[in-house]
């Protein structure tokens, strides 16, 4: 690894949640958003996280969990209806 290459931090999730995989969506000096495949209460879930850095520590600001494929399909359909409005 080169000197200027940053080591990716592991997402700061609650210790009761097991992260199998994750993808950082955007990470800046104060905000970090990511999607993670997590195991919670014995079930796999997909969670969208938003953290804010305060006093040099990441603190969770928001979490949105997708519990099943049907829920995801409803979300995708709704978002796709609004996409033409984006520039």
PDB file of N, CA and C in Angstrom:
ATOM      1  N   UNK A   1       0.844  -1.180   0.000  1.00  0.00           N
ATOM      2  CA  UNK A   1       0.000   0.000   0.000  1.00  0.00           C
ATOM      3  C   UNK A   1       0.884   1.236   0.000  1.00  0.00           C
ATOM      4  N   UNK A   2       0.514   2.214  -0.828  1.00  0.00           N
ATOM      5  CA  UNK A   2       1.293   3.443  -0.879  1.00  0.00           C
ATOM      6  C   UNK A   2       0.999   4.311   0.329  1.00  0.00           C
ATOM      7  N   UNK A   3       1.951   5.180   0.649  1.00  0.00           N
ATOM      8  CA  UNK A   3       1.820   6.040   1.816  1.00  0.00           C
ATOM      9  C   UNK A   3       0.577   6.903   1.799  1.00  0.00           C
ATOM     10  N   UNK A   4       0.233   7.463   0.643  1.00  0.00           N
ATOM     11  CA  UNK A   4      -0.894   8.388   0.580  1.00  0.00           C
ATOM     12  C   UNK A   4      -2.242   7.684   0.434  1.00  0.00           C
ATOM     13  N   UNK A   5      -2.247   6.358   0.332  1.00  0.00           N
ATOM     14  CA  UNK A   5      -3.478   5.596   0.225  1.00  0.00           C
ATOM     15  C   UNK A   5      -4.115   5.483   1.605  1.00  0.00           C
ATOM     16  N   UNK A   6      -5.352   5.896   1.710  1.00  0.00           N
ATOM     17  CA  UNK A   6      -6.047   5.844   3.006  1.00  0.00           C
ATOM     18  C   UNK A   6      -6.583   4.438   3.257  1.00  0.00           C
ATOM     19  N   UNK A   7      -6.509   4.000   4.483  1.00  0.00           N
ATOM     20  CA  UNK A   7      -7.077   2.717   4.869  1.00  0.00           C
ATOM     21  C   UNK A   7      -8.560   2.946   5.135  1.00  0.00           C
ATOM     22  N   UNK A   8      -9.385   2.163   4.477  1.00  0.00           N
ATOM     23  CA  UNK A   8     -10.831   2.309   4.633  1.00  0.00           C
ATOM     24  C   UNK A   8     -11.247   1.879   6.041  1.00  0.00           C
ATOM     25  N   UNK A   9     -11.976   2.741   6.704  1.00  0.00           N
ATOM     26  CA  UNK A   9     -12.496   2.425   8.031  1.00  0.00           C
ATOM     27  C   UNK A   9     -13.647   1.444   7.890  1.00  0.00           C
ATOM     28  N   UNK A  10     -13.819   0.592   8.884  1.00  0.00           N
ATOM     29  CA  UNK A  10     -14.961  -0.304   8.927  1.00  0.00           C
ATOM     30  C   UNK A  10     -16.160   0.487   9.430  1.00  0.00           C
ATOM     31  N   UNK A  11     -17.343   0.265   8.870  1.00  0.00           N
ATOM     32  CA  UNK A  11     -18.504   1.041   9.299  1.00  0.00           C
ATOM     33  C   UNK A  11     -18.758   0.925  10.808  1.00  0.00           C
ATOM     34  N   UNK A  12     -19.018   2.050  11.450  1.00  0.00           N
ATOM     35  CA  UNK A  12     -19.219   2.071  12.906  1.00  0.00           C
ATOM     36  C   UNK A  12     -20.652   1.705  13.297  1.00  0.00           C
ATOM     37  N   UNK A  13     -20.998   0.439  13.141  1.00  0.00           N
ATOM     38  CA  UNK A  13     -22.355  -0.005  13.489  1.00  0.00           C
ATOM     39  C   UNK A  13     -22.380  -0.520  14.923  1.00  0.00           C
ATOM     40  N   UNK A  14     -23.571  -0.657  15.452  1.00  0.00           N
ATOM     41  CA  UNK A  14     -23.750  -1.177  16.799  1.00  0.00           C
ATOM     42  C   UNK A  14     -23.129  -2.566  16.913  1.00  0.00           C
ATOM     43  N   UNK A  15     -22.577  -2.869  18.039  1.00  0.00           N
ATOM     44  CA  UNK A  15     -21.867  -4.152  18.225  1.00  0.00           C
ATOM     45  C   UNK A  15     -22.788  -5.364  18.137  1.00  0.00           C
ATOM     46  N   UNK A  16     -24.104  -5.162  18.237  1.00  0.00           N
ATOM     47  CA  UNK A  16     -25.044  -6.279  18.126  1.00  0.00           C
ATOM     48  C   UNK A  16     -25.337  -6.634  16.671  1.00  0.00           C
ATOM     49  N   UNK A  17     -24.824  -5.838  15.743  1.00  0.00           N
ATOM     50  CA  UNK A  17     -25.057  -6.051  14.320  1.00  0.00           C
ATOM     51  C   UNK A  17     -23.774  -6.532  13.661  1.00  0.00           C
ATOM     52  N   UNK A  18     -23.890  -7.582  12.867  1.00  0.00           N
ATOM     53  CA  UNK A  18     -22.743  -8.145  12.159  1.00  0.00           C
ATOM     54  C   UNK A  18     -22.775  -7.672  10.706  1.00  0.00           C
ATOM     55  N   UNK A  19     -21.710  -7.014  10.254  1.00  0.00           N
ATOM     56  CA  UNK A  19     -21.619  -6.522   8.875  1.00  0.00           C
ATOM     57  C   UNK A  19     -20.911  -7.572   8.020  1.00  0.00           C
ATOM     58  N   UNK A  20     -21.611  -8.103   7.009  1.00  0.00           N
ATOM     59  CA  UNK A  20     -21.017  -9.080   6.096  1.00  0.00           C
ATOM     60  C   UNK A  20     -20.222  -8.378   5.006  1.00  0.00           C
ATOM     61  N   UNK A  21     -20.834  -7.360   4.394  1.00  0.00           N
ATOM     62  CA  UNK A  21     -20.203  -6.572   3.341  1.00  0.00           C
ATOM     63  C   UNK A  21     -20.768  -5.163   3.406  1.00  0.00           C
ATOM     64  N   UNK A  22     -20.033  -4.211   2.838  1.00  0.00           N
ATOM     65  CA  UNK A  22     -20.552  -2.846   2.758  1.00  0.00           C
ATOM     66  C   UNK A  22     -19.936  -2.120   1.580  1.00  0.00           C
ATOM     67  N   UNK A  23     -20.621  -1.057   1.156  1.00  0.00           N
ATOM     68  CA  UNK A  23     -20.135  -0.193   0.096  1.00  0.00           C
ATOM     69  C   UNK A  23     -20.318   1.249   0.560  1.00  0.00           C
ATOM     70  N   UNK A  24     -19.252   1.992   0.564  1.00  0.00           N
ATOM     71  CA  UNK A  24     -19.346   3.410   0.881  1.00  0.00           C
ATOM     72  C   UNK A  24     -19.948   4.124  -0.320  1.00  0.00           C
ATOM     73  N   UNK A  25     -20.957   4.933  -0.084  1.00  0.00           N
ATOM     74  CA  UNK A  25     -21.569   5.722  -1.140  1.00  0.00           C
ATOM     75  C   UNK A  25     -20.818   7.046  -1.273  1.00  0.00           C
ATOM     76  N   UNK A  26     -20.607   7.703  -0.145  1.00  0.00           N
ATOM     77  CA  UNK A  26     -19.889   8.977  -0.117  1.00  0.00           C
ATOM     78  C   UNK A  26     -19.293   9.162   1.269  1.00  0.00           C
ATOM     79  N   UNK A  27     -18.063   9.641   1.306  1.00  0.00           N
ATOM     80  CA  UNK A  27     -17.413   9.875   2.589  1.00  0.00           C
ATOM     81  C   UNK A  27     -16.594  11.148   2.505  1.00  0.00           C
ATOM     82  N   UNK A  28     -16.903  12.080   3.388  1.00  0.00           N
ATOM     83  CA  UNK A  28     -16.171  13.332   3.462  1.00  0.00           C
ATOM     84  C   UNK A  28     -15.571  13.487   4.850  1.00  0.00           C
ATOM     85  N   UNK A  29     -15.180  14.703   5.170  1.00  0.00           N
ATOM     86  CA  UNK A  29     -14.579  14.953   6.483  1.00  0.00           C
ATOM     87  C   UNK A  29     -15.595  14.847   7.616  1.00  0.00           C
ATOM     88  N   UNK A  30     -16.864  15.193   7.316  1.00  0.00           N
ATOM     89  CA  UNK A  30     -17.866  15.208   8.380  1.00  0.00           C
ATOM     90  C   UNK A  30     -19.024  14.237   8.176  1.00  0.00           C
ATOM     91  N   UNK A  31     -19.256  13.763   6.950  1.00  0.00           N
ATOM     92  CA  UNK A  31     -20.389  12.891   6.670  1.00  0.00           C
ATOM     93  C   UNK A  31     -19.939  11.638   5.932  1.00  0.00           C
ATOM     94  N   UNK A  32     -20.591  10.519   6.236  1.00  0.00           N
ATOM     95  CA  UNK A  32     -20.278   9.237   5.612  1.00  0.00           C
ATOM     96  C   UNK A  32     -21.599   8.504   5.379  1.00  0.00           C
ATOM     97  N   UNK A  33     -21.840   8.093   4.141  1.00  0.00           N
ATOM     98  CA  UNK A  33     -23.021   7.286   3.835  1.00  0.00           C
ATOM     99  C   UNK A  33     -22.566   5.966   3.227  1.00  0.00           C
ATOM    100  N   UNK A  34     -23.282   4.899   3.565  1.00  0.00           N
ATOM    101  CA  UNK A  34     -22.922   3.570   3.084  1.00  0.00           C
ATOM    102  C   UNK A  34     -24.138   2.658   3.072  1.00  0.00           C
ATOM    103  N   UNK A  35     -24.024   1.594   2.286  1.00  0.00           N
ATOM    104  CA  UNK A  35     -25.007   0.522   2.259  1.00  0.00           C
ATOM    105  C   UNK A  35     -24.290  -0.716   2.771  1.00  0.00           C
ATOM    106  N   UNK A  36     -24.945  -1.467   3.646  1.00  0.00           N
ATOM    107  CA  UNK A  36     -24.300  -2.645   4.228  1.00  0.00           C
ATOM    108  C   UNK A  36     -25.251  -3.840   4.247  1.00  0.00           C
ATOM    109  N   UNK A  37     -24.682  -5.007   4.006  1.00  0.00           N
ATOM    110  CA  UNK A  37     -25.402  -6.258   4.218  1.00  0.00           C
ATOM    111  C   UNK A  37     -25.099  -6.648   5.657  1.00  0.00           C
ATOM    112  N   UNK A  38     -26.135  -6.686   6.483  1.00  0.00           N
ATOM    113  CA  UNK A  38     -25.934  -6.930   7.909  1.00  0.00           C
ATOM    114  C   UNK A  38     -26.774  -8.102   8.381  1.00  0.00           C
ATOM    115  N   UNK A  39     -26.370  -8.656   9.500  1.00  0.00           N
ATOM    116  CA  UNK A  39     -27.162  -9.690  10.154  1.00  0.00           C
ATOM    117  C   UNK A  39     -27.577  -9.116  11.498  1.00  0.00           C
ATOM    118  N   UNK A  40     -28.887  -9.059  11.702  1.00  0.00           N
ATOM    119  CA  UNK A  40     -29.431  -8.521  12.934  1.00  0.00           C
ATOM    120  C   UNK A  40     -30.558  -9.434  13.400  1.00  0.00           C
ATOM    121  N   UNK A  41     -30.512  -9.831  14.641  1.00  0.00           N
ATOM    122  CA  UNK A  41     -31.516 -10.748  15.206  1.00  0.00           C
ATOM    123  C   UNK A  41     -31.649 -12.008  14.367  1.00  0.00           C
ATOM    124  N   UNK A  42     -30.515 -12.486  13.828  1.00  0.00           N
ATOM    125  CA  UNK A  42     -30.483 -13.732  13.075  1.00  0.00           C
ATOM    126  C   UNK A  42     -30.953 -13.638  11.631  1.00  0.00           C
ATOM    127  N   UNK A  43     -31.271 -12.429  11.152  1.00  0.00           N
ATOM    128  CA  UNK A  43     -31.763 -12.261   9.788  1.00  0.00           C
ATOM    129  C   UNK A  43     -30.857 -11.341   8.984  1.00  0.00           C
ATOM    130  N   UNK A  44     -30.679 -11.678   7.706  1.00  0.00           N
ATOM    131  CA  UNK A  44     -29.949 -10.780   6.803  1.00  0.00           C
ATOM    132  C   UNK A  44     -30.842  -9.609   6.431  1.00  0.00           C
ATOM    133  N   UNK A  45     -30.250  -8.427   6.401  1.00  0.00           N
ATOM    134  CA  UNK A  45     -30.950  -7.210   6.021  1.00  0.00           C
ATOM    135  C   UNK A  45     -29.977  -6.328   5.246  1.00  0.00           C
ATOM    136  N   UNK A  46     -30.525  -5.415   4.476  1.00  0.00           N
ATOM    137  CA  UNK A  46     -29.705  -4.400   3.815  1.00  0.00           C
ATOM    138  C   UNK A  46     -30.018  -3.088   4.511  1.00  0.00           C
ATOM    139  N   UNK A  47     -28.968  -2.390   4.941  1.00  0.00           N
ATOM    140  CA  UNK A  47     -29.169  -1.141   5.675  1.00  0.00           C
ATOM    141  C   UNK A  47     -28.422   0.002   5.010  1.00  0.00           C
ATOM    142  N   UNK A  48     -29.105   1.123   4.888  1.00  0.00           N
ATOM    143  CA  UNK A  48     -28.497   2.375   4.431  1.00  0.00           C
ATOM    144  C   UNK A  48     -28.158   3.156   5.693  1.00  0.00           C
ATOM    145  N   UNK A  49     -26.909   3.602   5.816  1.00  0.00           N
ATOM    146  CA  UNK A  49     -26.471   4.346   6.993  1.00  0.00           C
ATOM    147  C   UNK A  49     -25.993   5.742   6.608  1.00  0.00           C
ATOM    148  N   UNK A  50     -26.178   6.668   7.534  1.00  0.00           N
ATOM    149  CA  UNK A  50     -25.602   8.005   7.432  1.00  0.00           C
ATOM    150  C   UNK A  50     -25.003   8.331   8.795  1.00  0.00           C
ATOM    151  N   UNK A  51     -23.679   8.620   8.799  1.00  0.00           N
ATOM    152  CA  UNK A  51     -22.981   8.980  10.030  1.00  0.00           C
ATOM    153  C   UNK A  51     -22.452  10.403   9.917  1.00  0.00           C
ATOM    154  N   UNK A  52     -22.321  11.048  11.056  1.00  0.00           N
ATOM    155  CA  UNK A  52     -21.710  12.379  11.133  1.00  0.00           C
ATOM    156  C   UNK A  52     -20.545  12.289  12.103  1.00  0.00           C
ATOM    157  N   UNK A  53     -19.436  12.933  11.738  1.00  0.00           N
ATOM    158  CA  UNK A  53     -18.268  12.914  12.610  1.00  0.00           C
ATOM    159  C   UNK A  53     -18.372  14.051  13.621  1.00  0.00           C
ATOM    160  N   UNK A  54     -18.311  13.682  14.904  1.00  0.00           N
ATOM    161  CA  UNK A  54     -18.336  14.658  15.996  1.00  0.00           C
ATOM    162  C   UNK A  54     -17.239  14.276  16.974  1.00  0.00           C
ATOM    163  N   UNK A  55     -16.408  15.247  17.324  1.00  0.00           N
ATOM    164  CA  UNK A  55     -15.299  14.989  18.255  1.00  0.00           C
ATOM    165  C   UNK A  55     -14.452  13.806  17.814  1.00  0.00           C
ATOM    166  N   UNK A  56     -14.167  13.768  16.512  1.00  0.00           N
ATOM    167  CA  UNK A  56     -13.302  12.731  15.918  1.00  0.00           C
ATOM    168  C   UNK A  56     -13.895  11.324  15.975  1.00  0.00           C
ATOM    169  N   UNK A  57     -15.209  11.192  16.245  1.00  0.00           N
ATOM    170  CA  UNK A  57     -15.885   9.886  16.254  1.00  0.00           C
ATOM    171  C   UNK A  57     -17.099   9.942  15.345  1.00  0.00           C
ATOM    172  N   UNK A  58     -17.337   8.856  14.628  1.00  0.00           N
ATOM    173  CA  UNK A  58     -18.520   8.766  13.791  1.00  0.00           C
ATOM    174  C   UNK A  58     -19.726   8.413  14.651  1.00  0.00           C
ATOM    175  N   UNK A  59     -20.810   9.152  14.456  1.00  0.00           N
ATOM    176  CA  UNK A  59     -22.061   8.903  15.172  1.00  0.00           C
ATOM    177  C   UNK A  59     -23.177   8.712  14.150  1.00  0.00           C
ATOM    178  N   UNK A  60     -23.969   7.678  14.341  1.00  0.00           N
ATOM    179  CA  UNK A  60     -25.046   7.405  13.393  1.00  0.00           C
ATOM    180  C   UNK A  60     -26.127   8.478  13.489  1.00  0.00           C
ATOM    181  N   UNK A  61     -26.487   9.026  12.335  1.00  0.00           N
ATOM    182  CA  UNK A  61     -27.558  10.021  12.269  1.00  0.00           C
ATOM    183  C   UNK A  61     -28.845   9.390  11.738  1.00  0.00           C
ATOM    184  N   UNK A  62     -28.705   8.472  10.763  1.00  0.00           N
ATOM    185  CA  UNK A  62     -29.877   7.824  10.192  1.00  0.00           C
ATOM    186  C   UNK A  62     -29.544   6.396   9.787  1.00  0.00           C
ATOM    187  N   UNK A  63     -30.579   5.565   9.816  1.00  0.00           N
ATOM    188  CA  UNK A  63     -30.453   4.185   9.364  1.00  0.00           C
ATOM    189  C   UNK A  63     -31.792   3.793   8.749  1.00  0.00           C
ATOM    190  N   UNK A  64     -31.729   3.190   7.574  1.00  0.00           N
ATOM    191  CA  UNK A  64     -32.926   2.733   6.890  1.00  0.00           C
ATOM    192  C   UNK A  64     -32.682   1.282   6.501  1.00  0.00           C
ATOM    193  N   UNK A  65     -33.563   0.378   6.914  1.00  0.00           N
ATOM    194  CA  UNK A  65     -33.356  -1.048   6.694  1.00  0.00           C
ATOM    195  C   UNK A  65     -34.375  -1.597   5.698  1.00  0.00           C
ATOM    196  N   UNK A  66     -33.880  -2.423   4.779  1.00  0.00           N
ATOM    197  CA  UNK A  66     -34.732  -3.137   3.835  1.00  0.00           C
ATOM    198  C   UNK A  66     -34.791  -4.580   4.315  1.00  0.00           C
ATOM    199  N   UNK A  67     -36.013  -5.036   4.582  1.00  0.00           N
ATOM    200  CA  UNK A  67     -36.197  -6.353   5.190  1.00  0.00           C
ATOM    201  C   UNK A  67     -36.430  -7.480   4.186  1.00  0.00           C
ATOM    202  N   UNK A  68     -36.956  -7.127   2.989  1.00  0.00           N
ATOM    203  CA  UNK A  68     -37.238  -8.190   2.017  1.00  0.00           C
ATOM    204  C   UNK A  68     -37.261  -7.627   0.590  1.00  0.00           C
ATOM    205  N   UNK A  69     -37.285  -8.526  -0.367  1.00  0.00           N
ATOM    206  CA  UNK A  69     -37.227  -8.140  -1.780  1.00  0.00           C
ATOM    207  C   UNK A  69     -38.456  -7.331  -2.196  1.00  0.00           C
ATOM    208  N   UNK A  70     -39.624  -7.670  -1.697  1.00  0.00           N
ATOM    209  CA  UNK A  70     -40.842  -6.948  -2.044  1.00  0.00           C
ATOM    210  C   UNK A  70     -40.771  -5.488  -1.623  1.00  0.00           C
ATOM    211  N   UNK A  71     -40.244  -5.260  -0.440  1.00  0.00           N
ATOM    212  CA  UNK A  71     -40.083  -3.891   0.047  1.00  0.00           C
ATOM    213  C   UNK A  71     -39.125  -3.125  -0.870  1.00  0.00           C
ATOM    214  N   UNK A  72     -38.014  -3.759  -1.260  1.00  0.00           N
ATOM    215  CA  UNK A  72     -37.055  -3.115  -2.146  1.00  0.00           C
ATOM    216  C   UNK A  72     -37.689  -2.771  -3.497  1.00  0.00           C
ATOM    217  N   UNK A  73     -38.468  -3.691  -4.061  1.00  0.00           N
ATOM    218  CA  UNK A  73     -39.100  -3.446  -5.354  1.00  0.00           C
ATOM    219  C   UNK A  73     -40.055  -2.249  -5.287  1.00  0.00           C
ATOM    220  N   UNK A  74     -40.774  -2.095  -4.185  1.00  0.00           N
ATOM    221  CA  UNK A  74     -41.666  -0.943  -4.015  1.00  0.00           C
ATOM    222  C   UNK A  74     -40.856   0.354  -3.946  1.00  0.00           C
ATOM    223  N   UNK A  75     -39.706   0.314  -3.274  1.00  0.00           N
ATOM    224  CA  UNK A  75     -38.839   1.498  -3.169  1.00  0.00           C
ATOM    225  C   UNK A  75     -38.296   1.870  -4.540  1.00  0.00           C
ATOM    226  N   UNK A  76     -37.774   0.887  -5.267  1.00  0.00           N
ATOM    227  CA  UNK A  76     -37.202   1.137  -6.602  1.00  0.00           C
ATOM    228  C   UNK A  76     -38.248   1.736  -7.530  1.00  0.00           C
ATOM    229  N   UNK A  77     -39.442   1.165  -7.539  1.00  0.00           N
ATOM    230  CA  UNK A  77     -40.508   1.666  -8.410  1.00  0.00           C
ATOM    231  C   UNK A  77     -40.836   3.120  -8.075  1.00  0.00           C
ATOM    232  N   UNK A  78     -40.939   3.434  -6.810  1.00  0.00           N
ATOM    233  CA  UNK A  78     -41.263   4.802  -6.396  1.00  0.00           C
ATOM    234  C   UNK A  78     -40.161   5.782  -6.775  1.00  0.00           C
ATOM    235  N   UNK A  79     -38.903   5.402  -6.553  1.00  0.00           N
ATOM    236  CA  UNK A  79     -37.780   6.280  -6.887  1.00  0.00           C
ATOM    237  C   UNK A  79     -37.704   6.494  -8.393  1.00  0.00           C
ATOM    238  N   UNK A  80     -37.872   5.424  -9.158  1.00  0.00           N
ATOM    239  CA  UNK A  80     -37.789   5.547 -10.613  1.00  0.00           C
ATOM    240  C   UNK A  80     -38.840   6.499 -11.179  1.00  0.00           C
ATOM    241  N   UNK A  81     -39.997   6.588 -10.529  1.00  0.00           N
ATOM    242  CA  UNK A  81     -41.031   7.522 -10.971  1.00  0.00           C
ATOM    243  C   UNK A  81     -40.571   8.978 -10.818  1.00  0.00           C
ATOM    244  N   UNK A  82     -39.712   9.251  -9.834  1.00  0.00           N
ATOM    245  CA  UNK A  82     -39.239  10.611  -9.610  1.00  0.00           C
ATOM    246  C   UNK A  82     -37.959  10.953 -10.390  1.00  0.00           C
ATOM    247  N   UNK A  83     -37.251   9.967 -10.906  1.00  0.00           N
ATOM    248  CA  UNK A  83     -35.984  10.216 -11.583  1.00  0.00           C
ATOM    249  C   UNK A  83     -36.069  11.223 -12.730  1.00  0.00           C
ATOM    250  N   UNK A  84     -37.118  11.232 -13.537  1.00  0.00           N
ATOM    251  CA  UNK A  84     -37.172  12.225 -14.608  1.00  0.00           C
ATOM    252  C   UNK A  84     -37.156  13.684 -14.112  1.00  0.00           C
ATOM    253  N   UNK A  85     -37.487  13.899 -12.859  1.00  0.00           N
ATOM    254  CA  UNK A  85     -37.501  15.245 -12.304  1.00  0.00           C
ATOM    255  C   UNK A  85     -36.095  15.733 -11.924  1.00  0.00           C
ATOM    256  N   UNK A  86     -35.123  14.835 -11.870  1.00  0.00           N
ATOM    257  CA  UNK A  86     -33.749  15.220 -11.537  1.00  0.00           C
ATOM    258  C   UNK A  86     -33.048  15.747 -12.777  1.00  0.00           C
ATOM    259  N   UNK A  87     -32.174  16.653 -12.574  1.00  0.00           N
ATOM    260  CA  UNK A  87     -31.416  17.228 -13.692  1.00  0.00           C
ATOM    261  C   UNK A  87     -29.964  16.846 -13.572  1.00  0.00           C
TER     262      UNK A  87
END
